[in-house]
Amino acid sequence: MDKYQQSQKNKLFKTPAHDPYCLPRVEGSAICSQCGAAYQAGNWTWKIPENTVIHDAQSMICPACRRISDSKPAGTLTLSGSFLLEHLNEIINLIKNTEEQEKAEHALERLISLTDSDGALIVTTTGIHLANRLGHAIEAAFKGHADYQYNDDEYGLSVSWTRDE
């Protein structure tokens, strides 16, 4: 097998990145003891169906709460540039509103922290989808340039957004 065939084989059989914080499928239903999210039919949700029976043994901590307590984000959004400092409150409000919308639909997509670091704002999230959505929302609202880097060897996304002027 030549080098080209080997490289194509590696691309073809590459396993997708797996989120180490996702639990294996649990039989039945469960409730997160920290946030109250419900696990039903393989999904975490805020809505608990009326006929759901949850046993005390099925009380557990959801992947998002585990990521928050371990401070292990799946998504990181780094915002920088002179525009950021001038419009910081507007940007933070957009981030919080976007997180509320995403969290309402997807129980595992939440903010972990907003940190100020040497003129940059670092936003960490429990899921890659929220980080992606925040990057697109900020780029749509405030223009600038966003760069999306998915980690090949682990489950994660790093978004860098910048705008000067």
N, C-alpha and C. Protein backbone atom coordinates (compact mmCIF):
# COMPACT_ATOMS: atom_id res chain seq x y z
N MET A 1 0.85 -1.17 0.00
CA MET A 1 0.00 0.00 0.00
C MET A 1 0.90 1.24 0.00
N ASP A 2 0.68 2.13 -0.98
CA ASP A 2 1.51 3.33 -1.04
C ASP A 2 1.04 4.39 -0.05
N LYS A 3 1.78 5.49 0.04
CA LYS A 3 1.48 6.53 1.02
C LYS A 3 0.09 7.14 0.80
N TYR A 4 -0.29 7.35 -0.45
CA TYR A 4 -1.60 7.94 -0.75
C TYR A 4 -2.72 7.02 -0.26
N GLN A 5 -2.62 5.73 -0.56
CA GLN A 5 -3.65 4.80 -0.12
C GLN A 5 -3.72 4.74 1.40
N GLN A 6 -2.57 4.77 2.06
CA GLN A 6 -2.55 4.74 3.52
C GLN A 6 -3.22 5.98 4.09
N SER A 7 -2.95 7.15 3.50
CA SER A 7 -3.57 8.38 4.01
C SER A 7 -5.09 8.35 3.80
N GLN A 8 -5.54 7.80 2.67
CA GLN A 8 -6.98 7.69 2.43
C GLN A 8 -7.62 6.69 3.39
N LYS A 9 -6.92 5.62 3.69
CA LYS A 9 -7.42 4.63 4.64
C LYS A 9 -7.57 5.26 6.03
N ASN A 10 -6.58 6.05 6.43
CA ASN A 10 -6.65 6.72 7.73
C ASN A 10 -7.84 7.67 7.81
N LYS A 11 -8.13 8.37 6.72
CA LYS A 11 -9.27 9.28 6.70
C LYS A 11 -10.59 8.50 6.73
N LEU A 12 -10.63 7.40 6.01
CA LEU A 12 -11.85 6.63 5.89
C LEU A 12 -12.25 5.97 7.20
N PHE A 13 -11.29 5.44 7.93
CA PHE A 13 -11.60 4.69 9.13
C PHE A 13 -11.34 5.45 10.42
N LYS A 14 -11.20 6.77 10.30
CA LYS A 14 -10.96 7.58 11.49
C LYS A 14 -12.21 7.57 12.36
N THR A 15 -12.03 7.24 13.62
CA THR A 15 -13.17 7.21 14.53
C THR A 15 -13.52 8.62 14.96
N PRO A 16 -14.81 8.91 15.11
CA PRO A 16 -15.20 10.26 15.52
C PRO A 16 -14.79 10.52 16.97
N ALA A 17 -14.57 11.81 17.27
CA ALA A 17 -14.22 12.18 18.64
C ALA A 17 -15.38 11.85 19.56
N HIS A 18 -15.09 11.27 20.68
CA HIS A 18 -16.11 10.87 21.63
C HIS A 18 -16.03 11.76 22.86
N ASP A 19 -17.17 12.20 23.34
CA ASP A 19 -17.22 13.02 24.54
C ASP A 19 -17.05 12.13 25.76
N PRO A 20 -15.95 12.24 26.49
CA PRO A 20 -15.73 11.37 27.64
C PRO A 20 -16.71 11.64 28.78
N TYR A 21 -17.41 12.76 28.74
CA TYR A 21 -18.36 13.07 29.80
C TYR A 21 -19.76 12.51 29.54
N CYS A 22 -20.00 12.03 28.34
CA CYS A 22 -21.31 11.42 28.07
C CYS A 22 -21.37 10.06 28.73
N LEU A 23 -22.48 9.84 29.39
CA LEU A 23 -22.68 8.57 30.08
C LEU A 23 -23.05 7.48 29.09
N PRO A 24 -22.73 6.25 29.41
CA PRO A 24 -23.26 5.16 28.58
C PRO A 24 -24.79 5.14 28.72
N ARG A 25 -25.45 4.56 27.78
CA ARG A 25 -26.91 4.50 27.84
C ARG A 25 -27.36 3.89 29.16
N VAL A 26 -28.27 4.58 29.80
CA VAL A 26 -28.81 4.15 31.09
C VAL A 26 -30.21 3.59 30.85
N GLU A 27 -30.50 2.48 31.46
CA GLU A 27 -31.84 1.91 31.33
C GLU A 27 -32.83 2.76 32.12
N GLY A 28 -33.96 3.06 31.51
CA GLY A 28 -35.00 3.81 32.20
C GLY A 28 -34.74 5.30 32.21
N SER A 29 -35.18 5.94 33.27
CA SER A 29 -35.09 7.39 33.39
C SER A 29 -34.26 7.77 34.61
N ALA A 30 -33.80 9.01 34.60
CA ALA A 30 -33.01 9.51 35.73
C ALA A 30 -33.17 11.02 35.81
N ILE A 31 -32.84 11.56 36.96
CA ILE A 31 -32.86 13.00 37.19
C ILE A 31 -31.49 13.42 37.69
N CYS A 32 -30.98 14.54 37.18
CA CYS A 32 -29.71 15.08 37.67
C CYS A 32 -29.97 15.66 39.05
N SER A 33 -29.17 15.23 40.01
CA SER A 33 -29.38 15.68 41.39
C SER A 33 -28.94 17.13 41.60
N GLN A 34 -28.20 17.72 40.64
CA GLN A 34 -27.75 19.10 40.80
C GLN A 34 -28.61 20.12 40.06
N CYS A 35 -28.99 19.82 38.82
CA CYS A 35 -29.73 20.82 38.03
C CYS A 35 -31.19 20.45 37.78
N GLY A 36 -31.54 19.19 37.97
CA GLY A 36 -32.92 18.76 37.77
C GLY A 36 -33.25 18.34 36.35
N ALA A 37 -32.25 18.27 35.46
CA ALA A 37 -32.50 17.80 34.10
C ALA A 37 -32.88 16.32 34.14
N ALA A 38 -33.74 15.91 33.22
CA ALA A 38 -34.23 14.53 33.18
C ALA A 38 -33.60 13.77 32.03
N TYR A 39 -33.21 12.54 32.30
CA TYR A 39 -32.68 11.64 31.28
C TYR A 39 -33.80 10.70 30.89
N GLN A 40 -34.21 10.74 29.63
CA GLN A 40 -35.32 9.94 29.14
C GLN A 40 -35.01 9.48 27.73
N ALA A 41 -35.04 8.20 27.48
CA ALA A 41 -34.86 7.62 26.14
C ALA A 41 -33.56 8.09 25.48
N GLY A 42 -32.48 8.16 26.25
CA GLY A 42 -31.18 8.50 25.70
C GLY A 42 -30.88 9.98 25.59
N ASN A 43 -31.78 10.84 26.03
CA ASN A 43 -31.58 12.29 25.93
C ASN A 43 -31.78 12.97 27.27
N TRP A 44 -31.06 14.07 27.47
CA TRP A 44 -31.26 14.91 28.65
C TRP A 44 -32.17 16.06 28.24
N THR A 45 -33.17 16.34 29.05
CA THR A 45 -34.15 17.37 28.73
C THR A 45 -34.62 18.05 30.01
N TRP A 46 -35.24 19.21 29.86
CA TRP A 46 -35.83 19.90 31.01
C TRP A 46 -37.27 19.45 31.24
N LYS A 47 -37.88 18.86 30.22
CA LYS A 47 -39.28 18.45 30.32
C LYS A 47 -39.37 16.99 30.75
N ILE A 48 -40.03 16.76 31.86
CA ILE A 48 -40.21 15.40 32.35
C ILE A 48 -41.61 14.95 31.96
N PRO A 49 -41.72 13.90 31.12
CA PRO A 49 -43.04 13.41 30.74
C PRO A 49 -43.85 12.99 31.96
N GLU A 50 -45.16 13.16 31.87
CA GLU A 50 -46.05 12.89 33.00
C GLU A 50 -45.96 11.46 33.53
N ASN A 51 -45.85 10.49 32.65
CA ASN A 51 -45.88 9.09 33.06
C ASN A 51 -44.50 8.53 33.41
N THR A 52 -43.50 9.39 33.57
CA THR A 52 -42.14 8.93 33.87
C THR A 52 -42.03 8.52 35.33
N VAL A 53 -41.51 7.32 35.53
CA VAL A 53 -41.27 6.82 36.88
C VAL A 53 -39.76 6.84 37.10
N ILE A 54 -39.32 7.58 38.11
CA ILE A 54 -37.90 7.70 38.40
C ILE A 54 -37.64 7.15 39.79
N HIS A 55 -36.74 6.21 39.86
CA HIS A 55 -36.40 5.58 41.13
C HIS A 55 -35.25 6.33 41.77
N ASP A 56 -35.11 6.25 43.08
CA ASP A 56 -34.04 6.92 43.80
C ASP A 56 -32.67 6.45 43.33
N ALA A 57 -32.59 5.18 42.92
CA ALA A 57 -31.31 4.63 42.46
C ALA A 57 -30.88 5.27 41.15
N GLN A 58 -31.82 5.86 40.41
CA GLN A 58 -31.51 6.46 39.12
C GLN A 58 -31.23 7.96 39.22
N SER A 59 -30.89 8.44 40.40
CA SER A 59 -30.49 9.83 40.55
C SER A 59 -29.00 9.92 40.26
N MET A 60 -28.61 10.79 39.34
CA MET A 60 -27.21 10.90 38.95
C MET A 60 -26.89 12.34 38.60
N ILE A 61 -25.66 12.58 38.23
CA ILE A 61 -25.23 13.91 37.83
C ILE A 61 -25.07 13.91 36.31
N CYS A 62 -25.69 14.88 35.65
CA CYS A 62 -25.64 14.95 34.19
C CYS A 62 -24.24 15.35 33.72
N PRO A 63 -23.91 15.09 32.44
CA PRO A 63 -22.59 15.44 31.92
C PRO A 63 -22.27 16.93 32.03
N ALA A 64 -23.26 17.81 31.86
CA ALA A 64 -23.00 19.25 31.94
C ALA A 64 -22.61 19.65 33.36
N CYS A 65 -23.31 19.15 34.36
CA CYS A 65 -22.97 19.46 35.76
C CYS A 65 -21.60 18.89 36.12
N ARG A 66 -21.26 17.72 35.58
CA ARG A 66 -19.94 17.14 35.83
C ARG A 66 -18.84 18.00 35.22
N ARG A 67 -19.07 18.49 33.99
CA ARG A 67 -18.08 19.36 33.34
C ARG A 67 -17.90 20.66 34.14
N ILE A 68 -19.02 21.22 34.63
CA ILE A 68 -18.95 22.47 35.40
C ILE A 68 -18.17 22.25 36.69
N SER A 69 -18.46 21.17 37.41
CA SER A 69 -17.77 20.92 38.68
C SER A 69 -16.29 20.58 38.46
N ASP A 70 -15.95 19.96 37.33
CA ASP A 70 -14.55 19.62 37.03
C ASP A 70 -13.81 20.76 36.33
N SER A 71 -14.52 21.81 35.92
CA SER A 71 -13.96 22.92 35.12
C SER A 71 -13.27 22.39 33.87
N LYS A 72 -13.94 21.50 33.15
CA LYS A 72 -13.43 20.91 31.92
C LYS A 72 -14.35 21.28 30.75
N PRO A 73 -14.14 22.43 30.13
CA PRO A 73 -15.04 22.84 29.05
C PRO A 73 -14.87 22.01 27.78
N ALA A 74 -15.97 21.87 27.06
CA ALA A 74 -15.92 21.25 25.74
C ALA A 74 -15.71 22.33 24.68
N GLY A 75 -16.18 23.54 24.97
CA GLY A 75 -16.03 24.65 24.04
C GLY A 75 -15.40 25.85 24.71
N THR A 76 -14.52 26.52 23.97
CA THR A 76 -13.88 27.73 24.47
C THR A 76 -13.98 28.80 23.39
N LEU A 77 -14.51 29.95 23.77
CA LEU A 77 -14.65 31.09 22.87
C LEU A 77 -13.78 32.21 23.42
N THR A 78 -12.81 32.66 22.64
CA THR A 78 -11.92 33.75 23.05
C THR A 78 -12.21 34.96 22.20
N LEU A 79 -12.61 36.05 22.85
CA LEU A 79 -12.96 37.29 22.17
C LEU A 79 -11.88 38.32 22.45
N SER A 80 -11.44 39.03 21.42
CA SER A 80 -10.40 40.04 21.62
C SER A 80 -10.56 41.18 20.63
N GLY A 81 -9.77 42.21 20.84
CA GLY A 81 -9.77 43.37 19.97
C GLY A 81 -10.28 44.61 20.68
N SER A 82 -10.00 45.77 20.11
CA SER A 82 -10.42 47.02 20.73
C SER A 82 -11.93 47.18 20.75
N PHE A 83 -12.62 46.59 19.78
CA PHE A 83 -14.08 46.66 19.73
C PHE A 83 -14.70 45.98 20.96
N LEU A 84 -14.08 44.91 21.41
CA LEU A 84 -14.57 44.17 22.58
C LEU A 84 -14.65 45.07 23.80
N LEU A 85 -13.60 45.82 24.06
CA LEU A 85 -13.55 46.67 25.25
C LEU A 85 -14.61 47.77 25.20
N GLU A 86 -14.89 48.30 24.02
CA GLU A 86 -15.87 49.37 23.87
C GLU A 86 -17.31 48.86 24.00
N HIS A 87 -17.56 47.60 23.65
CA HIS A 87 -18.92 47.05 23.61
C HIS A 87 -19.05 45.81 24.50
N LEU A 88 -18.31 45.76 25.60
CA LEU A 88 -18.27 44.58 26.45
C LEU A 88 -19.65 44.21 27.00
N ASN A 89 -20.40 45.17 27.51
CA ASN A 89 -21.73 44.86 28.08
C ASN A 89 -22.68 44.29 27.04
N GLU A 90 -22.67 44.87 25.83
CA GLU A 90 -23.55 44.36 24.77
C GLU A 90 -23.18 42.93 24.40
N ILE A 91 -21.89 42.65 24.32
CA ILE A 91 -21.42 41.31 23.94
C ILE A 91 -21.78 40.30 25.03
N ILE A 92 -21.59 40.67 26.29
CA ILE A 92 -21.94 39.77 27.39
C ILE A 92 -23.43 39.50 27.41
N ASN A 93 -24.26 40.52 27.15
CA ASN A 93 -25.71 40.31 27.09
C ASN A 93 -26.09 39.36 25.96
N LEU A 94 -25.44 39.50 24.80
CA LEU A 94 -25.70 38.59 23.68
C LEU A 94 -25.31 37.17 24.05
N ILE A 95 -24.18 37.00 24.72
CA ILE A 95 -23.73 35.67 25.13
C ILE A 95 -24.74 35.03 26.08
N LYS A 96 -25.19 35.80 27.07
CA LYS A 96 -26.14 35.25 28.05
C LYS A 96 -27.49 34.94 27.43
N ASN A 97 -27.97 35.80 26.54
CA ASN A 97 -29.26 35.54 25.87
C ASN A 97 -29.18 34.32 24.95
N THR A 98 -28.07 34.18 24.24
CA THR A 98 -27.89 33.02 23.36
C THR A 98 -27.82 31.75 24.18
N GLU A 99 -27.13 31.80 25.32
CA GLU A 99 -27.04 30.62 26.19
C GLU A 99 -28.41 30.24 26.74
N GLU A 100 -29.23 31.21 27.11
CA GLU A 100 -30.57 30.91 27.62
C GLU A 100 -31.42 30.22 26.55
N GLN A 101 -31.34 30.69 25.31
CA GLN A 101 -32.10 30.08 24.22
C GLN A 101 -31.62 28.65 23.96
N GLU A 102 -30.32 28.46 23.92
CA GLU A 102 -29.76 27.13 23.66
C GLU A 102 -30.06 26.17 24.81
N LYS A 103 -29.92 26.65 26.03
CA LYS A 103 -30.16 25.80 27.21
C LYS A 103 -31.62 25.39 27.31
N ALA A 104 -32.53 26.23 26.87
CA ALA A 104 -33.96 25.89 26.91
C ALA A 104 -34.26 24.68 26.03
N GLU A 105 -33.55 24.55 24.92
CA GLU A 105 -33.78 23.44 24.00
C GLU A 105 -32.89 22.24 24.29
N HIS A 106 -31.68 22.50 24.76
CA HIS A 106 -30.69 21.44 24.96
C HIS A 106 -30.12 21.55 26.38
N ALA A 107 -30.52 20.65 27.24
CA ALA A 107 -30.18 20.73 28.66
C ALA A 107 -28.68 20.65 28.94
N LEU A 108 -27.91 20.07 28.05
CA LEU A 108 -26.48 19.89 28.30
C LEU A 108 -25.62 21.03 27.76
N GLU A 109 -26.22 22.02 27.13
CA GLU A 109 -25.47 23.15 26.57
C GLU A 109 -25.59 24.35 27.50
N ARG A 110 -24.51 24.62 28.26
CA ARG A 110 -24.53 25.70 29.25
C ARG A 110 -23.19 26.42 29.29
N LEU A 111 -23.22 27.64 29.85
CA LEU A 111 -21.99 28.38 30.10
C LEU A 111 -21.32 27.84 31.36
N ILE A 112 -20.01 27.75 31.35
CA ILE A 112 -19.27 27.41 32.55
C ILE A 112 -18.77 28.71 33.19
N SER A 113 -18.11 29.56 32.38
CA SER A 113 -17.60 30.80 32.94
C SER A 113 -17.35 31.85 31.87
N LEU A 114 -17.32 33.10 32.32
CA LEU A 114 -16.90 34.25 31.53
C LEU A 114 -15.72 34.84 32.28
N THR A 115 -14.53 34.85 31.67
CA THR A 115 -13.32 35.28 32.36
C THR A 115 -12.63 36.38 31.57
N ASP A 116 -12.21 37.43 32.25
CA ASP A 116 -11.45 38.50 31.62
C ASP A 116 -9.96 38.18 31.77
N SER A 117 -9.24 38.18 30.64
CA SER A 117 -7.83 37.81 30.67
C SER A 117 -7.03 38.71 29.73
N ASP A 118 -6.32 39.67 30.29
CA ASP A 118 -5.45 40.57 29.51
C ASP A 118 -6.17 41.20 28.31
N GLY A 119 -7.31 41.80 28.53
CA GLY A 119 -8.04 42.47 27.46
C GLY A 119 -8.83 41.54 26.58
N ALA A 120 -8.87 40.27 26.90
CA ALA A 120 -9.66 39.30 26.14
C ALA A 120 -10.73 38.72 27.05
N LEU A 121 -11.83 38.33 26.47
CA LEU A 121 -12.91 37.67 27.22
C LEU A 121 -12.90 36.20 26.82
N ILE A 122 -12.78 35.33 27.81
CA ILE A 122 -12.75 33.89 27.55
C ILE A 122 -14.05 33.29 28.08
N VAL A 123 -14.80 32.67 27.19
CA VAL A 123 -16.08 32.06 27.52
C VAL A 123 -15.92 30.56 27.38
N THR A 124 -16.25 29.82 28.44
CA THR A 124 -16.16 28.36 28.37
C THR A 124 -17.56 27.77 28.46
N THR A 125 -17.78 26.68 27.72
CA THR A 125 -19.10 26.06 27.64
C THR A 125 -19.01 24.56 27.88
N THR A 126 -20.15 23.97 28.23
CA THR A 126 -20.21 22.53 28.49
C THR A 126 -20.34 21.72 27.20
N GLY A 127 -20.67 22.36 26.10
CA GLY A 127 -20.84 21.65 24.84
C GLY A 127 -20.26 22.42 23.67
N ILE A 128 -19.91 21.70 22.61
CA ILE A 128 -19.33 22.35 21.44
C ILE A 128 -20.39 23.12 20.65
N HIS A 129 -21.65 22.70 20.74
CA HIS A 129 -22.70 23.36 19.96
C HIS A 129 -22.96 24.77 20.46
N LEU A 130 -22.92 24.98 21.76
CA LEU A 130 -23.12 26.32 22.31
C LEU A 130 -21.95 27.23 21.92
N ALA A 131 -20.73 26.74 21.99
CA ALA A 131 -19.57 27.54 21.59
C ALA A 131 -19.68 27.93 20.12
N ASN A 132 -20.10 26.99 19.29
CA ASN A 132 -20.29 27.25 17.86
C ASN A 132 -21.37 28.30 17.66
N ARG A 133 -22.49 28.15 18.34
CA ARG A 133 -23.60 29.09 18.18
C ARG A 133 -23.22 30.48 18.68
N LEU A 134 -22.47 30.56 19.79
CA LEU A 134 -22.03 31.86 20.29
C LEU A 134 -21.11 32.55 19.29
N GLY A 135 -20.19 31.80 18.71
CA GLY A 135 -19.29 32.37 17.71
C GLY A 135 -20.05 32.94 16.53
N HIS A 136 -21.03 32.19 16.04
CA HIS A 136 -21.82 32.66 14.90
C HIS A 136 -22.69 33.85 15.28
N ALA A 137 -23.26 33.85 16.48
CA ALA A 137 -24.11 34.95 16.92
C ALA A 137 -23.30 36.24 17.04
N ILE A 138 -22.11 36.15 17.61
CA ILE A 138 -21.28 37.35 17.76
C ILE A 138 -20.79 37.84 16.41
N GLU A 139 -20.42 36.92 15.55
CA GLU A 139 -19.97 37.31 14.21
C GLU A 139 -21.11 37.97 13.42
N ALA A 140 -22.33 37.46 13.56
CA ALA A 140 -23.47 38.04 12.85
C ALA A 140 -23.85 39.41 13.41
N ALA A 141 -23.78 39.57 14.72
CA ALA A 141 -24.22 40.82 15.35
C ALA A 141 -23.16 41.92 15.27
N PHE A 142 -21.89 41.55 15.43
CA PHE A 142 -20.85 42.57 15.56
C PHE A 142 -19.79 42.51 14.46
N LYS A 143 -20.00 41.64 13.47
CA LYS A 143 -19.03 41.44 12.39
C LYS A 143 -17.72 40.91 12.96
N GLY A 144 -16.59 41.35 12.48
CA GLY A 144 -15.32 40.82 12.96
C GLY A 144 -14.97 39.52 12.26
N HIS A 145 -13.98 38.81 12.80
CA HIS A 145 -13.51 37.56 12.20
C HIS A 145 -13.49 36.46 13.26
N ALA A 146 -14.10 35.33 12.93
CA ALA A 146 -14.11 34.18 13.84
C ALA A 146 -13.38 33.02 13.18
N ASP A 147 -12.63 32.28 13.99
CA ASP A 147 -11.90 31.11 13.52
C ASP A 147 -12.31 29.92 14.39
N TYR A 148 -12.75 28.83 13.77
CA TYR A 148 -13.26 27.65 14.47
C TYR A 148 -12.26 26.51 14.34
N GLN A 149 -11.80 25.97 15.46
CA GLN A 149 -10.85 24.87 15.46
C GLN A 149 -11.41 23.71 16.27
N TYR A 150 -11.79 22.64 15.57
CA TYR A 150 -12.25 21.42 16.25
C TYR A 150 -11.03 20.58 16.59
N ASN A 151 -10.97 20.09 17.81
CA ASN A 151 -9.86 19.25 18.23
C ASN A 151 -10.01 17.86 17.62
N ASP A 152 -8.93 17.37 17.00
CA ASP A 152 -8.98 16.06 16.36
C ASP A 152 -8.92 14.92 17.37
N ASP A 153 -8.11 15.07 18.40
CA ASP A 153 -7.87 13.96 19.30
C ASP A 153 -8.78 13.94 20.52
N GLU A 154 -9.56 14.97 20.72
CA GLU A 154 -10.49 14.99 21.84
C GLU A 154 -11.74 15.75 21.45
N TYR A 155 -12.76 15.64 22.27
CA TYR A 155 -14.03 16.28 22.00
C TYR A 155 -13.93 17.73 22.43
N GLY A 156 -13.85 18.66 21.49
CA GLY A 156 -13.76 20.06 21.87
C GLY A 156 -13.74 20.98 20.67
N LEU A 157 -14.03 22.25 20.96
CA LEU A 157 -14.04 23.29 19.94
C LEU A 157 -13.45 24.54 20.55
N SER A 158 -12.55 25.18 19.81
CA SER A 158 -11.99 26.47 20.21
C SER A 158 -12.36 27.48 19.15
N VAL A 159 -13.02 28.57 19.58
CA VAL A 159 -13.42 29.63 18.67
C VAL A 159 -12.68 30.89 19.07
N SER A 160 -12.05 31.55 18.13
CA SER A 160 -11.38 32.83 18.38
C SER A 160 -12.07 33.88 17.55
N TRP A 161 -12.53 34.95 18.18
CA TRP A 161 -13.18 36.05 17.49
C TRP A 161 -12.43 37.33 17.80
N THR A 162 -12.22 38.15 16.78
CA THR A 162 -11.54 39.41 16.99
C THR A 162 -12.12 40.47 16.07
N ARG A 163 -12.09 41.71 16.59
CA ARG A 163 -12.47 42.86 15.78
C ARG A 163 -11.77 44.08 16.36
N ASP A 164 -11.07 44.77 15.49
CA ASP A 164 -10.41 46.01 15.88
C ASP A 164 -11.14 47.16 15.22
N GLU A 165 -11.19 48.29 15.87
CA GLU A 165 -11.72 49.58 15.42
C GLU A 165 -12.59 50.20 16.43
